[in-house]
C-alpha atoms as a PDB file:
ATOM      1  CA  MET A   1      -9.471   2.229 -13.342  1.00  0.00           C
ATOM      2  CA  GLU A   2      -9.227  -1.539 -12.903  1.00  0.00           C
ATOM      3  CA  TYR A   3      -6.065  -1.520 -14.994  1.00  0.00           C
ATOM      4  CA  SER A   4      -4.422   1.031 -12.734  1.00  0.00           C
ATOM      5  CA  LEU A   5      -5.196  -1.056  -9.641  1.00  0.00           C
ATOM      6  CA  THR A   6      -4.253  -4.459 -11.057  1.00  0.00           C
ATOM      7  CA  SER A   7      -1.308  -3.663 -13.309  1.00  0.00           C
ATOM      8  CA  GLY A   8       2.194  -4.479 -12.207  1.00  0.00           C
ATOM      9  CA  GLY A   9       4.324  -1.988 -10.402  1.00  0.00           C
ATOM     10  CA  LYS A  10       6.792  -1.555  -7.607  1.00  0.00           C
ATOM     11  CA  ARG A  11       4.176  -1.014  -4.886  1.00  0.00           C
ATOM     12  CA  ILE A  12       6.953   0.373  -2.702  1.00  0.00           C
ATOM     13  CA  ARG A  13       4.632   2.460  -0.505  1.00  0.00           C
ATOM     14  CA  PRO A  14       2.750  -0.468   1.075  1.00  0.00           C
ATOM     15  CA  VAL A  15       5.954  -2.478   1.416  1.00  0.00           C
ATOM     16  CA  LEU A  16       7.596   0.404   3.273  1.00  0.00           C
ATOM     17  CA  LEU A  17       4.597   0.753   5.566  1.00  0.00           C
ATOM     18  CA  LEU A  18       4.578  -2.973   6.377  1.00  0.00           C
ATOM     19  CA  SER A  19       8.353  -3.014   6.885  1.00  0.00           C
ATOM     20  CA  ALA A  20       8.271  -0.001   9.190  1.00  0.00           C
ATOM     21  CA  GLY A  21       5.404  -1.479  11.159  1.00  0.00           C
ATOM     22  CA  GLY A  22       7.198  -4.802  11.448  1.00  0.00           C
ATOM     23  CA  ALA A  23      10.329  -3.038  12.678  1.00  0.00           C
ATOM     24  CA  VAL A  24       8.429  -1.635  15.652  1.00  0.00           C
ATOM     25  CA  GLY A  25       6.627  -4.884  16.430  1.00  0.00           C
ATOM     26  CA  GLY A  26       3.353  -4.270  14.598  1.00  0.00           C
ATOM     27  CA  ASP A  27       1.066  -7.062  13.449  1.00  0.00           C
ATOM     28  CA  GLU A  28       1.020  -7.410   9.658  1.00  0.00           C
ATOM     29  CA  LYS A  29      -2.664  -8.381   9.595  1.00  0.00           C
ATOM     30  CA  GLU A  30      -3.572  -5.175  11.421  1.00  0.00           C
ATOM     31  CA  MET A  31      -1.386  -3.007   9.170  1.00  0.00           C
ATOM     32  CA  LEU A  32      -2.520  -4.485   5.850  1.00  0.00           C
ATOM     33  CA  PRO A  33      -5.648  -2.294   5.474  1.00  0.00           C
ATOM     34  CA  PHE A  34      -3.503   0.812   6.013  1.00  0.00           C
ATOM     35  CA  ALA A  35      -0.953  -0.375   3.455  1.00  0.00           C
ATOM     36  CA  CYS A  36      -3.760  -0.914   0.938  1.00  0.00           C
ATOM     37  CA  ALA A  37      -5.211   2.504   1.719  1.00  0.00           C
ATOM     38  CA  VAL A  38      -1.866   4.176   1.027  1.00  0.00           C
ATOM     39  CA  GLU A  39      -1.675   2.496  -2.373  1.00  0.00           C
ATOM     40  CA  TYR A  40      -5.302   3.339  -3.214  1.00  0.00           C
ATOM     41  CA  ILE A  41      -4.731   6.994  -2.335  1.00  0.00           C
ATOM     42  CA  HIS A  42      -1.646   7.090  -4.519  1.00  0.00           C
ATOM     43  CA  THR A  43      -3.511   5.436  -7.406  1.00  0.00           C
ATOM     44  CA  TYR A  44      -6.379   7.903  -6.993  1.00  0.00           C
ATOM     45  CA  SER A  45      -3.938  10.798  -7.186  1.00  0.00           C
ATOM     46  CA  LEU A  46      -2.643   9.460 -10.507  1.00  0.00           C
ATOM     47  CA  ILE A  47      -6.122   8.962 -11.979  1.00  0.00           C
ATOM     48  CA  HIS A  48      -7.625  12.192 -10.717  1.00  0.00           C
END
């Protein structure tokens, strides 16, 4: 499981979330936990 979380990859989902949030004036520090959650959910779906 550690490998799947720490290996390289595009990580496009969190980048899109942060970009979209920035486009509407969101604070990156407030959005970061949500961006991480999106990536964790995706990783879980691959492992499970």
